[in-house]
């Protein structure tokens, strides 16, 4: 009888032992950087991790007086139970050619991961008022199969007659909103008609077309930099500006030559699938790949 009681007691003790093992807390190994905010930061930090390669990029507005050697940390969030090497109120030193600083995150279990934080100064050089100097249509016959040539055609040249000339005194004004939208800058862009009060038309007059019966390229080109005021949004990670007016959008990139001149570039949708009609049409419509405004800053 005693043996049976001992055996039953042993069986009764088994679930108790198993329950303690299941409920035992296991220290966390997580070492992620989830959020970071430093002084002067624009938008949210772009956080990337591939195994032990961990980094975050922070955008700031370009400013020669920015305190790179002692940048205050405003807030930081890491994995639950993990500990960062800096907290709110501490400073990071970015005074090096790479413009980078290190934050170490230590997990509850003692795992360590170094995060490299990079500052990316952003120059919103395009904000201001610009005067259109020249407008070019870039054509590439290799794209359309119409030939092998590649060239730029000025919109005030003989192939477009005088139709584009009113565009050449236009004034482009770009403003920047104070508040950001995630990692995007926003603002307005105004294409003012200038002193003559007129906008140009993109009418091709090369044979077989003429002034009386031109090739109307307004549907392909006019909406890109629309007349009047439109809104824009620029993704800091791509530097592509999306312009929207009346629910119609275009995408603009920049070629910055110096502080007082640059180009507004619009890549055109492919037209190679449209039927070939004639030499001028194939060159100017089917072969055109980009519309470029060369502009100079007036203020």
Foldseek 3Di string as FASTA:
>chain_A
DVVVVVVVVVVVCVVVVVVCVVPDDDFDQFFFWDFWDWPQFAFTWQWDDDPLATETETEHADDPPPPQQWIFTQATDGDPQKDKPDGGGGTFHQPDPQSWGWIWIATRVGDIGIYIYHYDHDYPLVAAKKFFAWKWWWFACVQQVLDGDTDIDTCCDPQNPNQQVQQRGWMKHWHWDPHADRQKTKTKIATASHDVRDHGFRWTAPPPRHPVGTDGCCVFPAVQRDHGMWMWMAHPVVQWIWTDDPNDIFIWHWADPDSFKIKTKGFTDAPSPPDDDDSVCCGRPRGTTMMMTIITHPD
